[in-house]
C-alpha atoms as a PDB file:
ATOM      1  CA  UNK A   1      -0.030  -0.017  -0.035  1.00  0.00           C
ATOM      2  CA  UNK A   2       1.395   3.361  -1.015  1.00  0.00           C
ATOM      3  CA  UNK A   3       1.933   6.010   1.805  1.00  0.00           C
ATOM      4  CA  UNK A   4      -0.751   8.547   1.476  1.00  0.00           C
ATOM      5  CA  UNK A   5       0.053  12.099   2.309  1.00  0.00           C
ATOM      6  CA  UNK A   6      -3.506  13.483   2.618  1.00  0.00           C
ATOM      7  CA  UNK A   7      -6.694  11.764   3.821  1.00  0.00           C
ATOM      8  CA  UNK A   8      -9.610  12.811   1.782  1.00  0.00           C
ATOM      9  CA  UNK A   9     -13.200  11.777   2.527  1.00  0.00           C
ATOM     10  CA  UNK A  10     -16.355  13.872   1.925  1.00  0.00           C
ATOM     11  CA  UNK A  11     -18.031  12.858   5.173  1.00  0.00           C
ATOM     12  CA  UNK A  12     -14.887  11.910   7.227  1.00  0.00           C
ATOM     13  CA  UNK A  13     -14.679  13.922  10.531  1.00  0.00           C
ATOM     14  CA  UNK A  14     -11.625  15.497  11.865  1.00  0.00           C
ATOM     15  CA  UNK A  15      -8.780  12.898  12.382  1.00  0.00           C
ATOM     16  CA  UNK A  16      -6.085  13.216  15.111  1.00  0.00           C
ATOM     17  CA  UNK A  17      -2.507  13.989  13.960  1.00  0.00           C
ATOM     18  CA  UNK A  18      -0.676  10.869  12.989  1.00  0.00           C
ATOM     19  CA  UNK A  19       2.353  11.639  15.199  1.00  0.00           C
ATOM     20  CA  UNK A  20       0.197  11.658  18.348  1.00  0.00           C
ATOM     21  CA  UNK A  21      -0.956   8.149  17.698  1.00  0.00           C
ATOM     22  CA  UNK A  22       2.509   6.550  16.994  1.00  0.00           C
ATOM     23  CA  UNK A  23       3.402   5.844  20.690  1.00  0.00           C
ATOM     24  CA  UNK A  24       0.378   3.413  21.069  1.00  0.00           C
ATOM     25  CA  UNK A  25       0.093   2.243  17.512  1.00  0.00           C
ATOM     26  CA  UNK A  26       3.657   1.551  16.481  1.00  0.00           C
ATOM     27  CA  UNK A  27       4.662  -1.035  19.144  1.00  0.00           C
ATOM     28  CA  UNK A  28       1.777  -3.331  18.221  1.00  0.00           C
ATOM     29  CA  UNK A  29       2.474  -2.992  14.615  1.00  0.00           C
ATOM     30  CA  UNK A  30       6.180  -3.810  15.218  1.00  0.00           C
ATOM     31  CA  UNK A  31       5.340  -6.879  17.242  1.00  0.00           C
ATOM     32  CA  UNK A  32       3.042  -8.198  14.478  1.00  0.00           C
ATOM     33  CA  UNK A  33       5.541  -7.504  11.777  1.00  0.00           C
ATOM     34  CA  UNK A  34       8.386  -9.222  13.698  1.00  0.00           C
ATOM     35  CA  UNK A  35       6.263 -12.286  14.302  1.00  0.00           C
ATOM     36  CA  UNK A  36       5.565 -12.567  10.566  1.00  0.00           C
ATOM     37  CA  UNK A  37       9.159 -11.918   9.447  1.00  0.00           C
ATOM     38  CA  UNK A  38      11.013 -14.044  12.042  1.00  0.00           C
ATOM     39  CA  UNK A  39      14.139 -13.204  14.039  1.00  0.00           C
ATOM     40  CA  UNK A  40      16.896 -13.828  11.346  1.00  0.00           C
ATOM     41  CA  UNK A  41      18.967 -11.089   9.648  1.00  0.00           C
ATOM     42  CA  UNK A  42      17.400  -8.838   7.094  1.00  0.00           C
ATOM     43  CA  UNK A  43      18.591  -7.100   4.069  1.00  0.00           C
ATOM     44  CA  UNK A  44      18.092  -3.319   3.407  1.00  0.00           C
ATOM     45  CA  UNK A  45      15.165  -4.132   1.082  1.00  0.00           C
ATOM     46  CA  UNK A  46      13.558  -6.281   3.816  1.00  0.00           C
ATOM     47  CA  UNK A  47      14.073  -3.540   6.431  1.00  0.00           C
ATOM     48  CA  UNK A  48      12.360  -1.033   4.078  1.00  0.00           C
ATOM     49  CA  UNK A  49       9.478  -3.365   3.526  1.00  0.00           C
ATOM     50  CA  UNK A  50       9.181  -3.884   7.287  1.00  0.00           C
ATOM     51  CA  UNK A  51       9.270  -0.071   7.845  1.00  0.00           C
ATOM     52  CA  UNK A  52       6.589   0.366   5.106  1.00  0.00           C
ATOM     53  CA  UNK A  53       4.441  -2.287   6.706  1.00  0.00           C
ATOM     54  CA  UNK A  54       4.646  -0.703  10.137  1.00  0.00           C
ATOM     55  CA  UNK A  55       3.790   2.740   8.711  1.00  0.00           C
ATOM     56  CA  UNK A  56       0.846   1.414   6.861  1.00  0.00           C
ATOM     57  CA  UNK A  57      -0.570  -0.500   9.746  1.00  0.00           C
ATOM     58  CA  UNK A  58      -0.009   2.442  12.012  1.00  0.00           C
ATOM     59  CA  UNK A  59      -1.866   4.690   9.516  1.00  0.00           C
ATOM     60  CA  UNK A  60      -4.797   2.210   9.245  1.00  0.00           C
ATOM     61  CA  UNK A  61      -5.089   1.978  13.059  1.00  0.00           C
ATOM     62  CA  UNK A  62      -4.774   5.741  13.353  1.00  0.00           C
ATOM     63  CA  UNK A  63      -7.455   6.164  10.760  1.00  0.00           C
ATOM     64  CA  UNK A  64      -9.782   3.829  12.606  1.00  0.00           C
ATOM     65  CA  UNK A  65      -9.345   5.699  15.816  1.00  0.00           C
ATOM     66  CA  UNK A  66      -9.864   8.915  13.973  1.00  0.00           C
ATOM     67  CA  UNK A  67     -13.137   7.728  12.675  1.00  0.00           C
ATOM     68  CA  UNK A  68     -14.182   6.678  16.204  1.00  0.00           C
ATOM     69  CA  UNK A  69     -13.217  10.042  17.459  1.00  0.00           C
ATOM     70  CA  UNK A  70     -14.974  11.605  14.597  1.00  0.00           C
ATOM     71  CA  UNK A  71     -18.175   9.638  15.429  1.00  0.00           C
ATOM     72  CA  UNK A  72     -18.055  11.064  18.914  1.00  0.00           C
ATOM     73  CA  UNK A  73     -17.487  14.446  17.431  1.00  0.00           C
ATOM     74  CA  UNK A  74     -20.432  13.802  15.134  1.00  0.00           C
ATOM     75  CA  UNK A  75     -22.677  13.006  18.100  1.00  0.00           C
ATOM     76  CA  UNK A  76     -21.547  16.377  19.694  1.00  0.00           C
ATOM     77  CA  UNK A  77     -22.345  18.186  16.482  1.00  0.00           C
ATOM     78  CA  UNK A  78     -25.748  16.494  16.180  1.00  0.00           C
ATOM     79  CA  UNK A  79     -26.564  17.435  19.685  1.00  0.00           C
ATOM     80  CA  UNK A  80     -25.497  20.995  19.024  1.00  0.00           C
ATOM     81  CA  UNK A  81     -27.632  21.186  15.911  1.00  0.00           C
ATOM     82  CA  UNK A  82     -30.620  19.661  17.743  1.00  0.00           C
ATOM     83  CA  UNK A  83     -30.285  22.142  20.635  1.00  0.00           C
ATOM     84  CA  UNK A  84     -30.032  25.084  18.218  1.00  0.00           C
ATOM     85  CA  UNK A  85     -33.107  23.873  16.332  1.00  0.00           C
ATOM     86  CA  UNK A  86     -35.041  23.306  19.655  1.00  0.00           C
ATOM     87  CA  UNK A  87     -34.066  26.708  20.870  1.00  0.00           C
ATOM     88  CA  UNK A  88     -35.111  28.429  17.608  1.00  0.00           C
ATOM     89  CA  UNK A  89     -38.523  26.605  17.827  1.00  0.00           C
ATOM     90  CA  UNK A  90     -38.897  27.572  21.497  1.00  0.00           C
ATOM     91  CA  UNK A  91     -37.998  31.227  20.650  1.00  0.00           C
ATOM     92  CA  UNK A  92     -40.621  31.165  17.852  1.00  0.00           C
ATOM     93  CA  UNK A  93     -43.273  29.737  20.234  1.00  0.00           C
ATOM     94  CA  UNK A  94     -42.290  32.428  22.857  1.00  0.00           C
ATOM     95  CA  UNK A  95     -42.585  35.222  20.262  1.00  0.00           C
ATOM     96  CA  UNK A  96     -45.979  33.900  19.157  1.00  0.00           C
ATOM     97  CA  UNK A  97     -47.220  33.738  22.754  1.00  0.00           C
ATOM     98  CA  UNK A  98     -45.964  37.263  23.417  1.00  0.00           C
ATOM     99  CA  UNK A  99     -47.712  38.527  20.311  1.00  0.00           C
ATOM    100  CA  UNK A 100     -50.964  36.837  21.504  1.00  0.00           C
ATOM    101  CA  UNK A 101     -50.533  38.246  24.938  1.00  0.00           C
ATOM    102  CA  UNK A 102     -49.855  41.751  23.507  1.00  0.00           C
ATOM    103  CA  UNK A 103     -52.987  41.499  21.365  1.00  0.00           C
ATOM    104  CA  UNK A 104     -55.074  40.342  24.319  1.00  0.00           C
ATOM    105  CA  UNK A 105     -53.727  43.132  26.460  1.00  0.00           C
ATOM    106  CA  UNK A 106     -54.467  45.727  23.773  1.00  0.00           C
ATOM    107  CA  UNK A 107     -57.965  44.400  23.588  1.00  0.00           C
ATOM    108  CA  UNK A 108     -58.413  44.611  27.353  1.00  0.00           C
ATOM    109  CA  UNK A 109     -57.023  48.090  27.448  1.00  0.00           C
ATOM    110  CA  UNK A 110     -59.390  49.187  24.673  1.00  0.00           C
ATOM    111  CA  UNK A 111     -62.301  47.596  26.513  1.00  0.00           C
ATOM    112  CA  UNK A 112     -61.406  49.537  29.649  1.00  0.00           C
ATOM    113  CA  UNK A 113     -61.197  52.769  27.602  1.00  0.00           C
ATOM    114  CA  UNK A 114     -64.537  52.071  25.966  1.00  0.00           C
ATOM    115  CA  UNK A 115     -66.091  51.398  29.394  1.00  0.00           C
ATOM    116  CA  UNK A 116     -64.700  54.644  30.756  1.00  0.00           C
ATOM    117  CA  UNK A 117     -65.930  56.540  27.749  1.00  0.00           C
ATOM    118  CA  UNK A 118     -69.435  55.077  28.124  1.00  0.00           C
ATOM    119  CA  UNK A 119     -69.373  55.791  31.869  1.00  0.00           C
ATOM    120  CA  UNK A 120     -68.245  59.308  31.210  1.00  0.00           C
ATOM    121  CA  UNK A 121     -71.021  59.856  28.683  1.00  0.00           C
ATOM    122  CA  UNK A 122     -73.569  58.435  31.119  1.00  0.00           C
ATOM    123  CA  UNK A 123     -72.164  60.522  33.939  1.00  0.00           C
ATOM    124  CA  UNK A 124     -72.394  63.675  31.787  1.00  0.00           C
ATOM    125  CA  UNK A 125     -75.947  62.896  30.949  1.00  0.00           C
ATOM    126  CA  UNK A 126     -76.831  62.284  34.556  1.00  0.00           C
ATOM    127  CA  UNK A 127     -74.898  65.391  35.624  1.00  0.00           C
ATOM    128  CA  UNK A 128     -76.763  67.569  33.034  1.00  0.00           C
ATOM    129  CA  UNK A 129     -80.080  66.361  34.330  1.00  0.00           C
ATOM    130  CA  UNK A 130     -79.069  66.968  37.961  1.00  0.00           C
ATOM    131  CA  UNK A 131     -77.687  70.504  37.223  1.00  0.00           C
ATOM    132  CA  UNK A 132     -80.796  71.361  35.185  1.00  0.00           C
ATOM    133  CA  UNK A 133     -83.015  70.228  37.975  1.00  0.00           C
ATOM    134  CA  UNK A 134     -81.010  72.223  40.464  1.00  0.00           C
ATOM    135  CA  UNK A 135     -81.202  75.345  38.236  1.00  0.00           C
ATOM    136  CA  UNK A 136     -84.962  74.930  37.866  1.00  0.00           C
ATOM    137  CA  UNK A 137     -85.439  74.733  41.569  1.00  0.00           C
ATOM    138  CA  UNK A 138     -83.326  77.770  42.122  1.00  0.00           C
ATOM    139  CA  UNK A 139     -85.228  79.777  39.543  1.00  0.00           C
ATOM    140  CA  UNK A 140     -88.585  78.656  40.891  1.00  0.00           C
ATOM    141  CA  UNK A 141     -87.589  79.599  44.387  1.00  0.00           C
ATOM    142  CA  UNK A 142     -86.271  82.875  43.362  1.00  0.00           C
ATOM    143  CA  UNK A 143     -89.408  83.820  41.486  1.00  0.00           C
ATOM    144  CA  UNK A 144     -91.572  82.518  44.305  1.00  0.00           C
ATOM    145  CA  UNK A 145     -89.812  84.466  47.044  1.00  0.00           C
ATOM    146  CA  UNK A 146     -89.070  87.659  45.106  1.00  0.00           C
ATOM    147  CA  UNK A 147     -91.585  88.970  42.654  1.00  0.00           C
ATOM    148  CA  UNK A 148     -89.021  91.638  41.638  1.00  0.00           C
ATOM    149  CA  UNK A 149     -87.067  88.921  39.918  1.00  0.00           C
ATOM    150  CA  UNK A 150     -89.650  88.786  37.056  1.00  0.00           C
ATOM    151  CA  UNK A 151     -89.077  92.428  36.329  1.00  0.00           C
ATOM    152  CA  UNK A 152     -85.356  91.858  35.845  1.00  0.00           C
ATOM    153  CA  UNK A 153     -86.075  88.899  33.544  1.00  0.00           C
ATOM    154  CA  UNK A 154     -88.488  90.968  31.457  1.00  0.00           C
ATOM    155  CA  UNK A 155     -86.134  93.966  31.131  1.00  0.00           C
ATOM    156  CA  UNK A 156     -83.303  91.762  30.134  1.00  0.00           C
ATOM    157  CA  UNK A 157     -85.371  89.950  27.492  1.00  0.00           C
ATOM    158  CA  UNK A 158     -86.961  93.064  25.925  1.00  0.00           C
ATOM    159  CA  UNK A 159     -83.449  94.542  25.499  1.00  0.00           C
ATOM    160  CA  UNK A 160     -82.963  91.926  22.798  1.00  0.00           C
ATOM    161  CA  UNK A 161     -85.817  93.337  20.656  1.00  0.00           C
ATOM    162  CA  UNK A 162     -83.966  95.820  18.558  1.00  0.00           C
ATOM    163  CA  UNK A 163     -86.015  96.193  15.400  1.00  0.00           C
ATOM    164  CA  UNK A 164     -89.563  96.665  16.597  1.00  0.00           C
ATOM    165  CA  UNK A 165     -91.529  99.512  18.208  1.00  0.00           C
ATOM    166  CA  UNK A 166     -94.305  97.327  19.606  1.00  0.00           C
ATOM    167  CA  UNK A 167     -94.036  94.331  22.000  1.00  0.00           C
ATOM    168  CA  UNK A 168     -96.621  92.019  23.462  1.00  0.00           C
ATOM    169  CA  UNK A 169     -95.427  90.352  26.700  1.00  0.00           C
ATOM    170  CA  UNK A 170     -97.195  87.218  27.870  1.00  0.00           C
ATOM    171  CA  UNK A 171     -96.782  86.729  31.633  1.00  0.00           C
ATOM    172  CA  UNK A 172     -98.137  84.721  34.511  1.00  0.00           C
ATOM    173  CA  UNK A 173    -101.130  86.409  36.158  1.00  0.00           C
ATOM    174  CA  UNK A 174     -99.255  86.485  39.467  1.00  0.00           C
ATOM    175  CA  UNK A 175     -96.663  88.726  37.851  1.00  0.00           C
ATOM    176  CA  UNK A 176     -99.121  91.154  36.275  1.00  0.00           C
ATOM    177  CA  UNK A 177     -99.252  93.650  39.062  1.00  0.00           C
ATOM    178  CA  UNK A 178     -95.548  94.327  39.401  1.00  0.00           C
ATOM    179  CA  UNK A 179     -95.001  94.409  35.712  1.00  0.00           C
ATOM    180  CA  UNK A 180     -97.856  96.931  35.063  1.00  0.00           C
ATOM    181  CA  UNK A 181     -96.394  99.092  37.821  1.00  0.00           C
ATOM    182  CA  UNK A 182     -93.071  99.191  35.968  1.00  0.00           C
ATOM    183  CA  UNK A 183     -94.101  99.586  32.332  1.00  0.00           C
ATOM    184  CA  UNK A 184     -92.050 102.720  31.978  1.00  0.00           C
ATOM    185  CA  UNK A 185     -88.936 100.913  33.309  1.00  0.00           C
ATOM    186  CA  UNK A 186     -89.474  98.018  30.867  1.00  0.00           C
ATOM    187  CA  UNK A 187     -89.806 100.403  27.904  1.00  0.00           C
ATOM    188  CA  UNK A 188     -86.705 102.252  29.025  1.00  0.00           C
ATOM    189  CA  UNK A 189     -84.755  99.009  28.958  1.00  0.00           C
ATOM    190  CA  UNK A 190     -85.746  98.420  25.308  1.00  0.00           C
ATOM    191  CA  UNK A 191     -83.639  99.853  22.460  1.00  0.00           C
ATOM    192  CA  UNK A 192     -86.567 100.475  20.010  1.00  0.00           C
ATOM    193  CA  UNK A 193     -89.881  99.595  21.826  1.00  0.00           C
ATOM    194  CA  UNK A 194     -92.217 102.475  22.164  1.00  0.00           C
ATOM    195  CA  UNK A 195     -95.551 100.710  22.942  1.00  0.00           C
ATOM    196  CA  UNK A 196     -95.976  97.765  25.316  1.00  0.00           C
ATOM    197  CA  UNK A 197     -98.857  95.301  25.968  1.00  0.00           C
ATOM    198  CA  UNK A 198     -98.914  92.919  28.953  1.00  0.00           C
ATOM    199  CA  UNK A 199    -101.051  89.792  28.452  1.00  0.00           C
ATOM    200  CA  UNK A 200    -101.861  87.439  31.256  1.00  0.00           C
ATOM    201  CA  UNK A 201    -101.230  83.704  30.424  1.00  0.00           C
ATOM    202  CA  UNK A 202    -101.650  80.938  33.011  1.00  0.00           C
ATOM    203  CA  UNK A 203     -99.568  78.624  30.703  1.00  0.00           C
ATOM    204  CA  UNK A 204     -96.519  80.810  31.582  1.00  0.00           C
ATOM    205  CA  UNK A 205     -95.197  79.217  34.764  1.00  0.00           C
ATOM    206  CA  UNK A 206     -92.370  81.700  35.227  1.00  0.00           C
ATOM    207  CA  UNK A 207     -90.643  84.340  33.121  1.00  0.00           C
ATOM    208  CA  UNK A 208     -92.276  85.671  29.953  1.00  0.00           C
ATOM    209  CA  UNK A 209     -92.684  85.388  26.256  1.00  0.00           C
ATOM    210  CA  UNK A 210     -92.115  88.482  24.206  1.00  0.00           C
ATOM    211  CA  UNK A 211     -93.808  88.883  20.791  1.00  0.00           C
ATOM    212  CA  UNK A 212     -92.592  91.453  18.343  1.00  0.00           C
ATOM    213  CA  UNK A 213     -92.665  92.124  14.620  1.00  0.00           C
ATOM    214  CA  UNK A 214     -89.116  90.742  14.440  1.00  0.00           C
ATOM    215  CA  UNK A 215     -89.955  87.431  16.186  1.00  0.00           C
ATOM    216  CA  UNK A 216     -90.575  85.773  19.530  1.00  0.00           C
ATOM    217  CA  UNK A 217     -88.227  85.925  22.491  1.00  0.00           C
ATOM    218  CA  UNK A 218     -88.654  82.990  24.945  1.00  0.00           C
ATOM    219  CA  UNK A 219     -87.703  84.117  28.359  1.00  0.00           C
ATOM    220  CA  UNK A 220     -89.699  81.611  30.368  1.00  0.00           C
ATOM    221  CA  UNK A 221     -88.032  79.401  32.943  1.00  0.00           C
ATOM    222  CA  UNK A 222     -88.462  76.335  30.729  1.00  0.00           C
ATOM    223  CA  UNK A 223     -86.937  78.184  27.810  1.00  0.00           C
ATOM    224  CA  UNK A 224     -84.030  79.361  29.863  1.00  0.00           C
ATOM    225  CA  UNK A 225     -83.418  75.761  31.140  1.00  0.00           C
ATOM    226  CA  UNK A 226     -83.514  74.380  27.644  1.00  0.00           C
ATOM    227  CA  UNK A 227     -80.918  76.928  26.580  1.00  0.00           C
ATOM    228  CA  UNK A 228     -78.808  76.065  29.661  1.00  0.00           C
ATOM    229  CA  UNK A 229     -79.034  72.330  28.879  1.00  0.00           C
ATOM    230  CA  UNK A 230     -77.848  72.967  25.295  1.00  0.00           C
ATOM    231  CA  UNK A 231     -74.893  75.083  26.507  1.00  0.00           C
ATOM    232  CA  UNK A 232     -74.068  72.515  29.154  1.00  0.00           C
ATOM    233  CA  UNK A 233     -74.112  69.751  26.565  1.00  0.00           C
ATOM    234  CA  UNK A 234     -71.859  71.690  24.178  1.00  0.00           C
ATOM    235  CA  UNK A 235     -69.432  72.338  26.990  1.00  0.00           C
ATOM    236  CA  UNK A 236     -69.278  68.641  27.904  1.00  0.00           C
END
């Protein structure tokens, strides 16, 4: 067998250096060769053949040990590959779980925000109703305890009539006396009104309704509350 200088194999794993194997390989090869050749004298050609035999057997044994070592090395590589694959799959599963968790969390947060928004709207509606009721009670109390309050309401309302000379004011009969006594003051509060007519109307619970050529001015308590509710709703 010729002495190869390089070991080539497509699937052969890494082989240990030949020199490191000689201390354990060469003695057994020498003993086998000596047994085959006998103990007599040898020519230079026989010695060369013996040397070549020893080298070849040492190489073969070294190769076998290298394959064994390579097999173990292959196991290590296979384990490393399997570990890397398992880790990659575990990472992928973890990412998927985190994505699902993030999506669920986002959904939960959105649900909380929606609930808060609905609660806020409901609270605003309830608050508007409460404030409106309070305002109505205050106005009713004010008009019931101070008849002079109706005079202030009428004077403020008639000041808005700017393009008419005549106005008809519908009022509650309970307010007729004080308003008739202060007709001059009501006309003075108007910008253009020169003639005034007061008409009693039991349908007017509080405040007044002013009718002019330019239109109708609702200064009743209910009208003021409706306007107040609209403004409160717009502010909310």
